[in-house]
Amino acid sequence: MAQERQQYQDLILKLLDEKQEIPTTDGLTIPVDGKAKPINQLEFLGMVEYESLVTEKWELTAEGKEISETGSHEARVFNAIPAGSEGISIPEITKIVGNAAKFGQGAAFKAKWISKTSTGNIVRAVDSITDQSQIDLTLIKNTGAHPDASVIAALKKRKLISPLKVTFYKVTKGIKFSTVIVKEETDITAEMLLSGAWKNATFKKYNFEAVGAPPSRGHLHPLLKVRDEFKQIFFEMGFSEMPTNKYVESSFWNFDALFQPQQHPARDAHDTFFLSEPAVCHDLPGEYLERVKKVHSQGGYGSIGYNYNWDIKEAQKMVLRTHTTAISSNLLYQLAQQKEFKPVKWFSIDRVFRNETLDATHLAEFHQIEGVIADRNVTMGDLIGVLHGFCKKLGMEKLRFKPAYNPYTEPSMEIFAWHEGLNKWVEIGNSGMFRPEMLLPMGLPEDVRVIAWGLSTERPTMIKYGLNNIRELFGHKLDLEMVARNPICR
């Protein structure tokens, strides 16, 4: 391609050296897939100037080409009829001419080339004909034009010809015209400075109108986009964000304060990441710790507890938090220490850690969305109403609730939403009312109730972006191109 371009440019310069201007029709063709790149390069060097000349020509359609080669339909019908008065039947004409017989007969009758006998046969009405359609189409085929505009209009109406725009270039000498293309330098090198060659070098001018290379830039991860969307919904509903920037937590706040027994399977090493350094936490509120110990081992506040020997060593173990409710429990305790109780609406969206087996739908770390409302005498009806309002803003109109069990909520409900794409009910989260065994040891008033719910961030994000493997969304298998090309979530 480069050699072809060079030859084409040499030909332009040679012809311009002989003539003051040339059109590209003067023995020249346009290479490089029909564009004027070679001429454009010469113009950029200041060696030539050019302007585009657009003309319209006519070309034959497939039917027009056939007529120019074999004759018009009416002429073929005329030629199929033998001379004499006997004539030929219409079926026989159709056998000879084929599909052209039907249109050809009408046109031949109209031109009075043929007539019909009393027996129904077709005979010639004239001795000879001139096939003007074939003549006109042959002329257009050879020249791309016809002197009679009415003929062009008639052939175009019959769809025998179609317009074709042809671009030519009028080329003239530029201010730096030369028959030899001088290589222009694009930059000054150290060698040119040392040798002084830069003094006699010809430098390529800058094209300030050229489109620059797009700079590489960062893009928001899909999870961040979805997180911002959830945040906006919470803010619209009057919630405040909890300070959840604390991945390491004590087992006390992560489990014990939530009335989760120390022998619960979720606290096993198979489900929780335990820290080796620091291994334990000693900064726990003493009086509150004793109340938690008592409600676990002996009961209280109308509960019989779990009746086991509660061990402070288990509560002191440091873990990577398994849920953001570890933050909720700490904040509710701080709320209980205030002189006057004030209702709160909190939310959080942050990372949690589970000792899971990695597969297409599970990771050892994921993001949890949590909503908490603490107020006097709130009920399950309030929880269901808030969930309907919250999910409606996400585009989920149909909800169902199923009774469930959680150590720290009673009653508890799993949340299901109707998925139009999958055409089925899909579990989207869990919810419930925090138990009195959790709230009353903190010191909250007896008429204060706390409703809460939790969702996953990854599941709605995977549905939104059409991902089946969670490892393609979060982790080392993430496709960065996917992050760059996907627009904001909604």
Protein backbone atom coordinates (compact mmCIF):
# COMPACT_ATOMS: atom_id res chain seq x y z
CA MET A 1 0.00 0.00 0.00
CA ALA A 2 2.85 2.43 0.82
CA GLN A 3 4.55 1.67 -2.51
CA GLU A 4 1.28 2.23 -4.39
CA ARG A 5 0.80 5.56 -2.62
CA GLN A 6 4.37 6.63 -3.47
CA GLN A 7 3.86 5.77 -7.15
CA TYR A 8 0.61 7.69 -7.22
CA GLN A 9 2.23 10.78 -5.66
CA ASP A 10 5.16 10.63 -8.09
CA LEU A 11 2.67 10.51 -10.98
CA ILE A 12 0.82 13.58 -9.66
CA LEU A 13 4.05 15.58 -9.33
CA LYS A 14 5.25 14.52 -12.78
CA LEU A 15 1.99 15.57 -14.46
CA LEU A 16 1.92 18.86 -12.52
CA ASP A 17 5.46 19.57 -13.67
CA GLU A 18 4.21 19.28 -17.25
CA LYS A 19 0.87 21.08 -16.69
CA GLN A 20 -0.22 23.86 -14.37
CA GLU A 21 -3.23 21.87 -13.11
CA ILE A 22 -4.70 18.43 -13.56
CA PRO A 23 -7.94 16.71 -12.69
CA THR A 24 -7.57 13.21 -11.36
CA THR A 25 -9.50 12.00 -14.41
CA ASP A 26 -6.34 12.70 -16.43
CA GLY A 27 -5.01 9.16 -16.33
CA LEU A 28 -5.19 8.94 -12.53
CA THR A 29 -7.14 6.68 -10.20
CA ILE A 30 -7.81 7.02 -6.48
CA PRO A 31 -6.11 4.28 -4.42
CA VAL A 32 -6.27 3.75 -0.64
CA ASP A 33 -9.92 2.60 -0.53
CA GLY A 34 -11.27 5.55 -2.50
CA LYS A 35 -9.88 8.37 -0.34
CA ALA A 36 -7.60 11.25 -1.27
CA LYS A 37 -4.94 10.37 1.30
CA PRO A 38 -1.95 10.56 -1.12
CA ILE A 39 -3.06 14.00 -2.41
CA ASN A 40 -3.83 15.09 1.15
CA GLN A 41 -0.30 14.22 2.23
CA LEU A 42 1.17 16.27 -0.62
CA GLU A 43 -1.05 19.20 0.35
CA PHE A 44 0.11 18.90 3.96
CA LEU A 45 3.70 19.20 2.71
CA GLY A 46 2.74 22.37 0.80
CA MET A 47 3.63 20.75 -2.54
CA VAL A 48 0.13 20.80 -4.05
CA GLU A 49 -3.29 22.31 -3.54
CA TYR A 50 -6.53 20.57 -4.46
CA GLU A 51 -10.28 20.87 -4.35
CA SER A 52 -12.99 18.25 -4.57
CA LEU A 53 -15.24 18.09 -7.65
CA VAL A 54 -18.37 15.95 -7.26
CA THR A 55 -20.28 14.89 -10.38
CA GLU A 56 -23.28 12.63 -10.82
CA LYS A 57 -23.23 9.78 -13.31
CA TRP A 58 -25.70 7.03 -14.05
CA GLU A 59 -25.08 3.33 -13.85
CA LEU A 60 -27.21 0.42 -15.00
CA THR A 61 -29.10 -1.73 -12.55
CA ALA A 62 -28.98 -5.52 -12.89
CA GLU A 63 -32.10 -5.44 -15.10
CA GLY A 64 -30.66 -2.55 -17.11
CA LYS A 65 -27.45 -4.47 -17.77
CA GLU A 66 -29.48 -7.45 -18.95
CA ILE A 67 -31.46 -5.27 -21.40
CA SER A 68 -28.29 -3.63 -22.74
CA GLU A 69 -26.91 -7.08 -23.52
CA THR A 70 -29.99 -9.06 -24.71
CA GLY A 71 -32.44 -6.33 -25.72
CA SER A 72 -35.61 -4.90 -24.19
CA HIS A 73 -38.52 -7.11 -23.19
CA GLU A 74 -40.69 -5.78 -26.04
CA ALA A 75 -37.92 -6.32 -28.59
CA ARG A 76 -37.40 -9.89 -27.40
CA VAL A 77 -41.15 -10.55 -27.76
CA PHE A 78 -41.10 -9.07 -31.32
CA ASN A 79 -38.07 -11.17 -32.27
CA ALA A 80 -39.75 -14.33 -30.92
CA ILE A 81 -42.67 -13.90 -33.41
CA PRO A 82 -41.95 -15.38 -36.89
CA ALA A 83 -42.57 -13.26 -39.99
CA GLY A 84 -45.78 -13.94 -41.85
CA SER A 85 -49.49 -13.92 -41.18
CA GLU A 86 -49.70 -17.17 -39.25
CA GLY A 87 -48.22 -15.74 -36.02
CA ILE A 88 -47.59 -17.53 -32.74
CA SER A 89 -49.61 -18.21 -29.58
CA ILE A 90 -49.00 -16.39 -26.32
CA PRO A 91 -47.94 -19.61 -24.43
CA GLU A 92 -45.33 -20.27 -27.13
CA ILE A 93 -43.99 -16.71 -26.78
CA THR A 94 -43.71 -17.25 -23.01
CA LYS A 95 -41.72 -20.45 -23.57
CA ILE A 96 -39.25 -18.57 -25.79
CA VAL A 97 -38.95 -15.27 -23.87
CA GLY A 98 -39.66 -16.41 -20.30
CA ASN A 99 -40.63 -13.94 -17.59
CA ALA A 100 -40.07 -10.98 -19.92
CA ALA A 101 -43.07 -12.02 -22.05
CA LYS A 102 -45.77 -10.45 -19.86
CA PHE A 103 -44.28 -6.93 -19.73
CA GLY A 104 -42.88 -7.22 -23.26
CA GLN A 105 -46.26 -7.98 -24.85
CA GLY A 106 -47.88 -4.89 -23.33
CA ALA A 107 -45.01 -2.63 -24.37
CA ALA A 108 -44.92 -4.11 -27.90
CA PHE A 109 -48.68 -3.66 -28.31
CA LYS A 110 -48.36 -0.06 -27.09
CA ALA A 111 -45.56 0.59 -29.58
CA LYS A 112 -47.77 -1.02 -32.31
CA TRP A 113 -45.06 -3.52 -33.14
CA ILE A 114 -47.42 -6.49 -32.83
CA SER A 115 -51.13 -7.27 -33.20
CA LYS A 116 -53.54 -10.11 -32.53
CA THR A 117 -55.33 -12.21 -35.20
CA SER A 118 -58.91 -13.47 -35.07
CA THR A 119 -57.57 -16.88 -33.97
CA GLY A 120 -55.82 -15.32 -30.96
CA ASN A 121 -52.25 -15.63 -32.30
CA ILE A 122 -49.76 -12.77 -32.13
CA VAL A 123 -48.29 -11.49 -35.42
CA ARG A 124 -45.82 -8.81 -36.35
CA ALA A 125 -47.44 -5.46 -37.25
CA VAL A 126 -44.22 -3.99 -38.71
CA ASP A 127 -41.36 -5.49 -40.66
CA SER A 128 -38.56 -4.25 -38.37
CA ILE A 129 -38.02 -2.32 -35.14
CA THR A 130 -35.42 -0.12 -33.48
CA ASP A 131 -34.76 -1.14 -29.85
CA GLN A 132 -34.28 2.38 -28.48
CA SER A 133 -34.19 1.17 -24.84
CA GLN A 134 -31.19 -1.02 -25.59
CA ILE A 135 -29.51 1.82 -27.48
CA ASP A 136 -30.10 4.30 -24.64
CA LEU A 137 -28.89 1.90 -21.94
CA THR A 138 -25.76 1.01 -23.95
CA LEU A 139 -24.96 4.73 -24.29
CA ILE A 140 -25.36 5.27 -20.53
CA LYS A 141 -23.30 2.17 -19.82
CA ASN A 142 -20.40 3.52 -21.91
CA THR A 143 -20.58 7.23 -20.95
CA GLY A 144 -22.53 7.42 -17.70
CA ALA A 145 -24.85 10.04 -19.23
CA HIS A 146 -27.53 10.67 -21.88
CA PRO A 147 -28.27 13.91 -23.74
CA ASP A 148 -32.05 13.59 -23.32
CA ALA A 149 -33.25 14.24 -19.75
CA SER A 150 -36.66 12.73 -20.48
CA VAL A 151 -35.00 9.43 -21.39
CA ILE A 152 -33.08 9.46 -18.10
CA ALA A 153 -36.33 10.12 -16.20
CA ALA A 154 -38.13 7.26 -17.99
CA LEU A 155 -35.31 4.75 -17.42
CA LYS A 156 -35.00 5.80 -13.78
CA LYS A 157 -38.76 5.31 -13.30
CA ARG A 158 -38.45 1.78 -14.75
CA LYS A 159 -35.55 1.21 -12.30
CA LEU A 160 -33.16 0.39 -15.12
CA ILE A 161 -30.60 3.01 -14.02
CA SER A 162 -29.50 4.48 -10.67
CA PRO A 163 -27.47 7.63 -9.82
CA LEU A 164 -23.80 7.33 -8.90
CA LYS A 165 -21.82 10.17 -7.31
CA VAL A 166 -18.20 10.36 -8.47
CA THR A 167 -15.60 12.51 -6.71
CA PHE A 168 -12.71 14.01 -8.67
CA TYR A 169 -9.91 16.26 -7.47
CA LYS A 170 -8.59 19.34 -9.22
CA VAL A 171 -4.88 19.49 -8.33
CA THR A 172 -2.59 22.55 -8.71
CA LYS A 173 0.97 23.39 -7.68
CA GLY A 174 1.60 24.44 -4.07
CA ILE A 175 4.07 27.00 -2.70
CA LYS A 176 6.61 24.23 -2.00
CA PHE A 177 6.08 22.36 -5.25
CA SER A 178 8.85 20.01 -6.24
CA THR A 179 9.06 16.82 -8.25
CA VAL A 180 10.90 15.16 -5.35
CA ILE A 181 9.26 14.49 -1.99
CA VAL A 182 11.66 15.67 0.71
CA LYS A 183 11.51 13.70 3.94
CA GLU A 184 10.56 16.01 6.77
CA GLU A 185 11.90 15.53 10.25
CA THR A 186 9.41 15.26 13.10
CA ASP A 187 11.77 16.08 15.96
CA ILE A 188 15.25 17.38 16.76
CA THR A 189 17.54 14.57 17.89
CA ALA A 190 20.76 14.72 19.90
CA GLU A 191 22.72 13.66 16.82
CA MET A 192 21.27 16.56 14.79
CA LEU A 193 22.28 19.03 17.50
CA LEU A 194 25.82 17.66 17.69
CA SER A 195 26.35 17.59 13.94
CA GLY A 196 24.48 20.81 13.15
CA ALA A 197 22.28 18.98 10.65
CA TRP A 198 19.20 20.63 12.14
CA LYS A 199 20.16 23.90 10.43
CA ASN A 200 19.47 22.50 6.95
CA ALA A 201 16.73 20.03 7.92
CA THR A 202 13.12 20.43 6.83
CA PHE A 203 10.73 19.94 9.72
CA LYS A 204 7.18 18.69 9.52
CA LYS A 205 4.70 21.35 10.59
CA TYR A 206 2.35 20.71 13.45
CA ASN A 207 -1.27 19.95 12.67
CA PHE A 208 -3.04 21.76 15.48
CA GLU A 209 -6.46 20.70 14.17
CA ALA A 210 -5.71 16.99 14.38
CA VAL A 211 -7.67 14.98 16.94
CA GLY A 212 -5.38 14.03 19.80
CA ALA A 213 -5.05 10.58 21.28
CA PRO A 214 -7.63 10.11 24.03
CA PRO A 215 -5.89 10.17 27.43
CA SER A 216 -6.17 7.13 29.62
CA ARG A 217 -8.46 7.81 32.55
CA GLY A 218 -10.00 6.07 35.49
CA HIS A 219 -13.49 4.62 35.57
CA LEU A 220 -15.84 3.88 38.41
CA HIS A 221 -16.14 0.19 39.23
CA PRO A 222 -19.70 -1.17 38.72
CA LEU A 223 -19.98 -1.84 42.45
CA LEU A 224 -19.16 1.80 43.17
CA LYS A 225 -21.82 2.94 40.73
CA VAL A 226 -24.45 0.70 42.31
CA ARG A 227 -23.30 1.73 45.80
CA ASP A 228 -23.79 5.41 44.96
CA GLU A 229 -27.25 4.60 43.64
CA PHE A 230 -28.20 2.85 46.92
CA LYS A 231 -26.74 5.73 48.91
CA GLN A 232 -28.87 8.24 47.05
CA ILE A 233 -32.00 6.21 47.81
CA PHE A 234 -31.16 6.08 51.52
CA PHE A 235 -30.50 9.81 51.62
CA GLU A 236 -33.83 10.49 49.88
CA MET A 237 -35.55 8.47 52.62
CA GLY A 238 -33.90 10.51 55.39
CA PHE A 239 -31.23 8.03 56.51
CA SER A 240 -27.75 8.90 57.84
CA GLU A 241 -24.67 6.86 56.95
CA MET A 242 -22.95 4.85 59.68
CA PRO A 243 -19.13 5.07 60.04
CA THR A 244 -18.26 1.55 58.84
CA ASN A 245 -14.57 2.08 57.96
CA LYS A 246 -13.52 -0.60 60.43
CA TYR A 247 -12.90 -4.07 58.99
CA VAL A 248 -11.43 -5.61 62.16
CA GLU A 249 -13.83 -6.09 65.05
CA SER A 250 -14.00 -8.00 68.32
CA SER A 251 -16.15 -11.11 68.55
CA PHE A 252 -18.07 -9.29 71.28
CA TRP A 253 -19.52 -6.63 68.98
CA ASN A 254 -19.67 -8.97 65.98
CA PHE A 255 -21.47 -11.84 67.81
CA ASP A 256 -22.07 -11.56 71.57
CA ALA A 257 -23.72 -8.13 71.62
CA LEU A 258 -26.12 -9.47 68.98
CA PHE A 259 -27.23 -12.27 71.30
CA GLN A 260 -25.48 -14.83 69.09
CA PRO A 261 -24.35 -17.82 71.25
CA GLN A 262 -20.67 -18.66 71.39
CA GLN A 263 -21.29 -22.20 70.14
CA HIS A 264 -23.15 -20.94 67.05
CA PRO A 265 -21.77 -22.53 63.81
CA ALA A 266 -21.22 -19.11 62.24
CA ARG A 267 -18.54 -18.40 64.88
CA ASP A 268 -16.57 -21.46 63.86
CA ALA A 269 -13.20 -21.11 62.11
CA HIS A 270 -14.80 -22.60 59.01
CA ASP A 271 -17.03 -19.50 58.67
CA THR A 272 -14.99 -16.69 60.24
CA PHE A 273 -11.52 -15.21 59.72
CA PHE A 274 -9.75 -14.87 63.11
CA LEU A 275 -6.74 -12.56 63.53
CA SER A 276 -3.43 -13.72 64.91
CA GLU A 277 -2.07 -10.21 65.56
CA PRO A 278 -3.72 -8.65 67.47
CA ALA A 279 -5.44 -11.81 68.61
CA VAL A 280 -7.62 -10.35 71.38
CA CYS A 281 -9.37 -7.11 72.35
CA HIS A 282 -9.34 -5.82 75.95
CA ASP A 283 -11.21 -2.56 75.32
CA LEU A 284 -14.77 -3.70 76.07
CA PRO A 285 -17.39 -1.85 78.21
CA GLY A 286 -17.32 -3.67 81.59
CA GLU A 287 -20.86 -3.20 82.93
CA TYR A 288 -22.47 -3.82 79.55
CA LEU A 289 -20.25 -6.89 79.08
CA GLU A 290 -21.55 -8.35 82.35
CA ARG A 291 -25.16 -7.79 81.28
CA VAL A 292 -24.49 -9.52 77.97
CA LYS A 293 -22.82 -12.41 79.81
CA LYS A 294 -25.82 -12.77 82.11
CA VAL A 295 -28.46 -12.75 79.35
CA HIS A 296 -26.47 -15.40 77.45
CA SER A 297 -25.83 -17.72 80.38
CA GLN A 298 -28.82 -17.12 82.70
CA GLY A 299 -31.38 -15.17 80.67
CA GLY A 300 -33.23 -12.02 81.65
CA TYR A 301 -35.63 -9.42 80.27
CA GLY A 302 -38.26 -12.14 79.86
CA SER A 303 -35.84 -14.62 78.23
CA ILE A 304 -34.31 -17.85 79.54
CA GLY A 305 -31.10 -17.22 77.58
CA TYR A 306 -28.99 -20.04 76.22
CA ASN A 307 -27.95 -21.59 79.59
CA TYR A 308 -24.24 -22.13 78.90
CA ASN A 309 -21.00 -20.94 80.47
CA TRP A 310 -20.26 -17.71 78.61
CA ASP A 311 -16.48 -17.26 78.11
CA ILE A 312 -14.98 -13.78 77.90
CA LYS A 313 -11.99 -15.20 75.99
CA GLU A 314 -14.31 -16.06 73.09
CA ALA A 315 -15.75 -12.54 73.14
CA GLN A 316 -12.27 -10.96 73.06
CA LYS A 317 -11.12 -12.77 69.89
CA MET A 318 -10.44 -10.39 66.99
CA VAL A 319 -12.11 -11.17 63.66
CA LEU A 320 -12.64 -9.73 60.24
CA ARG A 321 -16.24 -8.61 60.64
CA THR A 322 -18.74 -11.03 59.13
CA HIS A 323 -21.45 -8.36 58.79
CA THR A 324 -21.82 -4.60 59.19
CA THR A 325 -24.27 -5.27 62.05
CA ALA A 326 -21.14 -5.32 64.23
CA ILE A 327 -21.10 -1.54 63.70
CA SER A 328 -24.87 -1.27 64.27
CA SER A 329 -24.62 -2.98 67.67
CA ASN A 330 -21.86 -0.61 68.80
CA LEU A 331 -23.78 2.47 67.63
CA LEU A 332 -27.00 1.29 69.32
CA TYR A 333 -25.07 0.88 72.58
CA GLN A 334 -23.74 4.45 72.21
CA LEU A 335 -27.28 5.64 71.47
CA ALA A 336 -28.47 4.02 74.72
CA GLN A 337 -25.89 5.99 76.72
CA GLN A 338 -27.42 9.33 75.73
CA LYS A 339 -29.52 11.11 78.36
CA GLU A 340 -32.50 11.47 76.07
CA PHE A 341 -33.38 8.93 73.43
CA LYS A 342 -33.81 10.30 69.91
CA PRO A 343 -35.07 8.16 66.99
CA VAL A 344 -32.45 7.32 64.34
CA LYS A 345 -32.41 6.04 60.76
CA TRP A 346 -29.03 4.61 59.78
CA PHE A 347 -27.62 2.82 56.76
CA SER A 348 -24.28 1.39 55.68
CA ILE A 349 -22.79 -0.10 52.51
CA ASP A 350 -19.44 -1.69 53.14
CA ARG A 351 -17.30 -4.80 52.93
CA VAL A 352 -17.67 -7.89 55.09
CA PHE A 353 -15.71 -11.14 55.21
CA ARG A 354 -16.75 -14.80 55.33
CA ASN A 355 -14.55 -17.88 55.20
CA GLU A 356 -16.37 -19.17 52.10
CA THR A 357 -15.32 -21.64 49.43
CA LEU A 358 -14.74 -19.55 46.32
CA ASP A 359 -16.97 -20.35 43.36
CA ALA A 360 -19.04 -18.56 40.69
CA THR A 361 -21.49 -17.15 43.25
CA HIS A 362 -19.41 -16.86 46.46
CA LEU A 363 -16.38 -14.81 47.48
CA ALA A 364 -14.54 -14.58 50.79
CA GLU A 365 -15.39 -10.88 50.87
CA PHE A 366 -18.43 -9.03 49.59
CA HIS A 367 -20.43 -5.86 50.23
CA GLN A 368 -23.45 -5.67 52.51
CA ILE A 369 -26.21 -3.05 52.44
CA GLU A 370 -27.83 -2.49 55.82
CA GLY A 371 -30.68 -0.28 56.96
CA VAL A 372 -31.54 0.32 60.66
CA ILE A 373 -34.43 2.29 62.21
CA ALA A 374 -34.69 2.76 66.00
CA ASP A 375 -37.85 4.40 67.32
CA ARG A 376 -40.55 3.97 69.92
CA ASN A 377 -43.16 1.27 69.28
CA VAL A 378 -42.24 0.53 65.66
CA THR A 379 -43.74 -2.72 64.36
CA MET A 380 -43.27 -5.33 61.64
CA GLY A 381 -45.85 -3.36 59.64
CA ASP A 382 -43.45 -0.40 59.68
CA LEU A 383 -40.63 -2.68 58.49
CA ILE A 384 -42.73 -4.06 55.60
CA GLY A 385 -43.81 -0.52 54.63
CA VAL A 386 -40.22 0.78 54.62
CA LEU A 387 -39.07 -2.20 52.56
CA HIS A 388 -41.80 -1.59 49.99
CA GLY A 389 -40.80 2.06 49.70
CA PHE A 390 -37.09 1.22 49.55
CA CYS A 391 -37.46 -1.52 46.91
CA LYS A 392 -39.86 0.55 44.81
CA LYS A 393 -37.09 3.11 44.33
CA LEU A 394 -34.95 0.25 43.01
CA GLY A 395 -37.63 -0.68 40.49
CA MET A 396 -38.91 -3.72 42.41
CA GLU A 397 -42.67 -3.31 42.80
CA LYS A 398 -43.65 -6.86 43.83
CA LEU A 399 -42.36 -8.15 47.18
CA ARG A 400 -42.99 -11.24 49.26
CA PHE A 401 -41.84 -12.05 52.79
CA LYS A 402 -41.09 -15.46 54.29
CA PRO A 403 -40.61 -16.21 58.02
CA ALA A 404 -36.99 -16.99 58.88
CA TYR A 405 -34.65 -17.44 61.86
CA ASN A 406 -31.81 -15.13 62.94
CA PRO A 407 -30.11 -15.21 66.38
CA TYR A 408 -30.53 -11.48 66.89
CA THR A 409 -33.91 -10.73 65.27
CA GLU A 410 -37.38 -12.00 66.19
CA PRO A 411 -39.54 -12.05 64.20
CA SER A 412 -37.35 -12.40 61.09
CA MET A 413 -38.24 -12.33 57.39
CA GLU A 414 -36.52 -13.23 54.14
CA ILE A 415 -37.27 -10.73 51.37
CA PHE A 416 -38.21 -11.92 47.87
CA ALA A 417 -38.76 -9.75 44.77
CA TRP A 418 -40.33 -10.68 41.46
CA HIS A 419 -37.67 -10.68 38.71
CA GLU A 420 -39.27 -9.86 35.36
CA GLY A 421 -36.26 -11.10 33.36
CA LEU A 422 -36.01 -14.46 35.13
CA ASN A 423 -39.82 -14.64 35.50
CA LYS A 424 -39.58 -15.90 39.07
CA TRP A 425 -39.28 -14.77 42.72
CA VAL A 426 -35.67 -14.07 43.77
CA GLU A 427 -34.39 -13.74 47.35
CA ILE A 428 -32.79 -10.33 47.74
CA GLY A 429 -32.15 -10.04 51.48
CA ASN A 430 -33.06 -10.61 55.12
CA SER A 431 -34.84 -8.50 57.72
CA GLY A 432 -36.38 -8.46 61.19
CA MET A 433 -36.74 -6.76 64.57
CA PHE A 434 -33.78 -6.83 66.96
CA ARG A 435 -34.51 -9.04 69.97
CA PRO A 436 -35.09 -7.55 73.48
CA GLU A 437 -32.16 -9.74 74.69
CA MET A 438 -29.96 -7.61 72.42
CA LEU A 439 -31.46 -4.14 73.01
CA LEU A 440 -32.37 -4.06 76.72
CA PRO A 441 -28.87 -4.95 78.06
CA MET A 442 -27.61 -1.90 76.13
CA GLY A 443 -29.85 0.32 78.27
CA LEU A 444 -32.37 1.36 75.60
CA PRO A 445 -35.89 2.20 76.85
CA GLU A 446 -38.28 -0.75 76.89
CA ASP A 447 -40.64 0.80 74.33
CA VAL A 448 -37.85 1.36 71.78
CA ARG A 449 -37.90 -1.10 68.88
CA VAL A 450 -35.26 -1.51 66.17
CA ILE A 451 -36.11 -2.80 62.70
CA ALA A 452 -33.34 -3.69 60.25
CA TRP A 453 -32.69 -5.31 56.89
CA GLY A 454 -29.69 -6.33 54.84
CA LEU A 455 -29.06 -6.87 51.13
CA SER A 456 -26.10 -7.86 48.98
CA THR A 457 -24.56 -5.36 46.59
CA GLU A 458 -23.05 -7.96 44.27
CA ARG A 459 -26.28 -9.78 43.34
CA PRO A 460 -28.19 -6.79 41.86
CA THR A 461 -24.97 -5.61 40.18
CA MET A 462 -24.43 -8.99 38.50
CA ILE A 463 -28.04 -8.96 37.27
CA LYS A 464 -27.64 -5.39 35.98
CA TYR A 465 -24.44 -6.10 34.05
CA GLY A 466 -25.38 -9.61 32.88
CA LEU A 467 -22.59 -11.42 34.76
CA ASN A 468 -22.93 -15.06 35.81
CA ASN A 469 -19.59 -15.36 37.65
CA ILE A 470 -19.04 -13.10 40.65
CA ARG A 471 -15.26 -13.38 40.14
CA GLU A 472 -15.67 -11.41 36.90
CA LEU A 473 -17.13 -8.56 38.96
CA PHE A 474 -14.80 -8.47 41.94
CA GLY A 475 -11.24 -9.80 42.12
CA HIS A 476 -8.28 -10.51 39.88
CA LYS A 477 -10.46 -11.83 37.02
CA LEU A 478 -12.24 -8.49 36.64
CA ASP A 479 -12.39 -7.30 33.01
CA LEU A 480 -11.17 -3.68 33.04
CA GLU A 481 -12.63 -3.14 29.57
CA MET A 482 -16.05 -3.99 31.00
CA VAL A 483 -15.55 -1.35 33.69
CA ALA A 484 -14.61 1.27 31.07
CA ARG A 485 -17.38 0.62 28.56
CA ASN A 486 -20.36 0.23 30.91
CA PRO A 487 -22.26 3.45 31.60
CA ILE A 488 -23.56 4.50 34.97
CA CYS A 489 -25.87 1.88 36.41
CA ARG A 490 -29.24 3.62 35.91
